[in-house]
Structures are given as C-alpha cells and as structure tokens.
C-alpha cells in the first residue's frame, strides 16, 4: 500500500528549484551546482514516479497542490543545500515506512 505520499510531495517540492535550474544552466556552471542538480533530479524523478504509481486522480490533485506549496516555501526560505538535505532525509523516511 502507498505509505506516505505527503513526504514524497515535500521531497518533490524541495528538489524543484534545483531540478528546474538544470534546464537553464549555462556551460560555465560550477561543479557544486551540477552536483546539486544531479541529486535533485534523481530525488525528484524517483519521488514523482512513486507518488503517481498508485495514486487515484483525487489524491494526485491533492498531491500536486502540496508539491506546489512545498516548492514555493522551499524556494523562499531554504538554501539549496539545506533543501536537498531535508529532501534526502524525507526520501529515506519514506522508504523506512514503506518497507516492512
């Protein structure tokens, strides 16, 4: 059963800023920024697949709203490094709760 969809929604929201930056990155992007984009993209895409793999349409809409709210809050209040750290912890918490 689908264990903790809100945790995955928060993970997606926290990774969104670094994930979107990948599409506007210049060729002279720093190595640290490229690493953050790689981590964010892997967390975001995996969480997105897990969220929508077993969700129905009403739950999907609610989760999309939660993702948008988390992305808005994260982009205004957290630095990129701390947002990715919290997202990684959230992703680990999801798997601790999802596996027996």
Protein backbone atom coordinates (compact mmCIF):
# COMPACT_ATOMS: atom_id res chain seq x y z
CA UNK A 1 0.00 0.00 0.00
CA UNK A 2 1.05 3.56 -0.63
CA UNK A 3 2.60 4.60 2.70
CA UNK A 4 3.41 8.29 2.99
CA UNK A 5 2.53 10.38 -0.10
CA UNK A 6 2.84 13.74 1.73
CA UNK A 7 6.50 13.00 2.50
CA UNK A 8 7.19 12.39 -1.18
CA UNK A 9 5.31 15.56 -2.08
CA UNK A 10 7.58 17.53 0.22
CA UNK A 11 10.64 15.85 -1.30
CA UNK A 12 9.50 16.87 -4.79
CA UNK A 13 8.79 20.41 -3.67
CA UNK A 14 12.18 20.78 -2.02
CA UNK A 15 14.01 19.49 -5.10
CA UNK A 16 12.03 21.52 -7.62
CA UNK A 17 14.23 24.65 -7.64
CA UNK A 18 17.44 22.74 -8.33
CA UNK A 19 15.72 20.47 -10.84
CA UNK A 20 14.39 23.38 -12.90
CA UNK A 21 17.78 25.09 -12.78
CA UNK A 22 19.13 22.20 -14.83
CA UNK A 23 17.24 23.42 -17.88
CA UNK A 24 18.64 26.94 -17.66
CA UNK A 25 22.20 26.08 -16.62
CA UNK A 26 24.98 27.73 -18.53
CA UNK A 27 28.05 25.89 -19.75
CA UNK A 28 30.13 27.55 -17.02
CA UNK A 29 28.07 26.21 -14.10
CA UNK A 30 30.10 25.33 -11.02
CA UNK A 31 30.78 21.75 -10.11
CA UNK A 32 28.81 22.09 -6.86
CA UNK A 33 25.77 23.38 -8.71
CA UNK A 34 25.94 20.50 -11.19
CA UNK A 35 26.11 18.01 -8.30
CA UNK A 36 23.07 19.63 -6.64
CA UNK A 37 21.15 19.46 -9.93
CA UNK A 38 22.00 15.77 -10.31
CA UNK A 39 20.91 14.91 -6.78
CA UNK A 40 17.73 16.97 -7.12
CA UNK A 41 16.79 15.39 -10.43
CA UNK A 42 17.25 11.85 -9.14
CA UNK A 43 15.25 12.52 -5.95
CA UNK A 44 12.52 14.38 -7.80
CA UNK A 45 12.02 11.90 -10.63
CA UNK A 46 12.03 8.87 -8.34
CA UNK A 47 9.61 10.52 -5.91
CA UNK A 48 7.35 11.60 -8.76
CA UNK A 49 7.19 8.05 -10.07
CA UNK A 50 6.40 6.68 -6.61
CA UNK A 51 3.72 9.30 -5.92
CA UNK A 52 1.75 8.65 -9.08
CA UNK A 53 2.28 4.90 -9.36
CA UNK A 54 -0.62 4.01 -7.07
CA UNK A 55 -2.50 7.29 -6.58
CA UNK A 56 -6.00 7.90 -7.88
CA UNK A 57 -6.99 11.17 -9.56
CA UNK A 58 -8.29 12.95 -6.43
CA UNK A 59 -5.17 12.08 -4.45
CA UNK A 60 -2.98 13.11 -7.41
CA UNK A 61 -4.58 16.56 -7.48
CA UNK A 62 -4.12 16.99 -3.73
CA UNK A 63 -0.50 15.90 -4.01
CA UNK A 64 0.15 18.34 -6.86
CA UNK A 65 -1.14 21.17 -4.68
CA UNK A 66 1.09 20.02 -1.81
CA UNK A 67 4.08 19.86 -4.19
CA UNK A 68 3.44 23.40 -5.41
CA UNK A 69 3.14 24.71 -1.85
CA UNK A 70 6.33 22.95 -0.74
CA UNK A 71 8.22 24.25 -3.78
CA UNK A 72 7.08 27.81 -3.12
CA UNK A 73 8.05 27.66 0.56
CA UNK A 74 11.39 25.99 -0.13
CA UNK A 75 12.43 28.47 -2.78
CA UNK A 76 11.76 31.39 -0.45
CA UNK A 77 13.05 30.12 2.87
CA UNK A 78 15.66 27.38 2.42
CA UNK A 79 19.06 27.35 0.81
CA UNK A 80 19.70 24.80 -1.89
CA UNK A 81 21.98 22.64 0.26
CA UNK A 82 19.60 22.51 3.21
CA UNK A 83 16.59 21.85 0.96
CA UNK A 84 18.33 18.89 -0.66
CA UNK A 85 19.43 17.58 2.75
CA UNK A 86 15.86 17.70 4.07
CA UNK A 87 14.62 16.11 0.83
CA UNK A 88 17.11 13.27 1.19
CA UNK A 89 16.04 12.64 4.78
CA UNK A 90 12.38 12.69 3.72
CA UNK A 91 13.08 10.21 0.95
CA UNK A 92 14.83 7.90 3.42
CA UNK A 93 11.90 8.23 5.85
CA UNK A 94 9.51 7.22 3.09
CA UNK A 95 11.43 4.02 2.46
CA UNK A 96 11.72 3.25 6.17
CA UNK A 97 7.93 3.44 6.40
CA UNK A 98 7.17 1.82 3.05
CA UNK A 99 9.25 -1.32 3.54
CA UNK A 100 8.37 -3.96 6.14
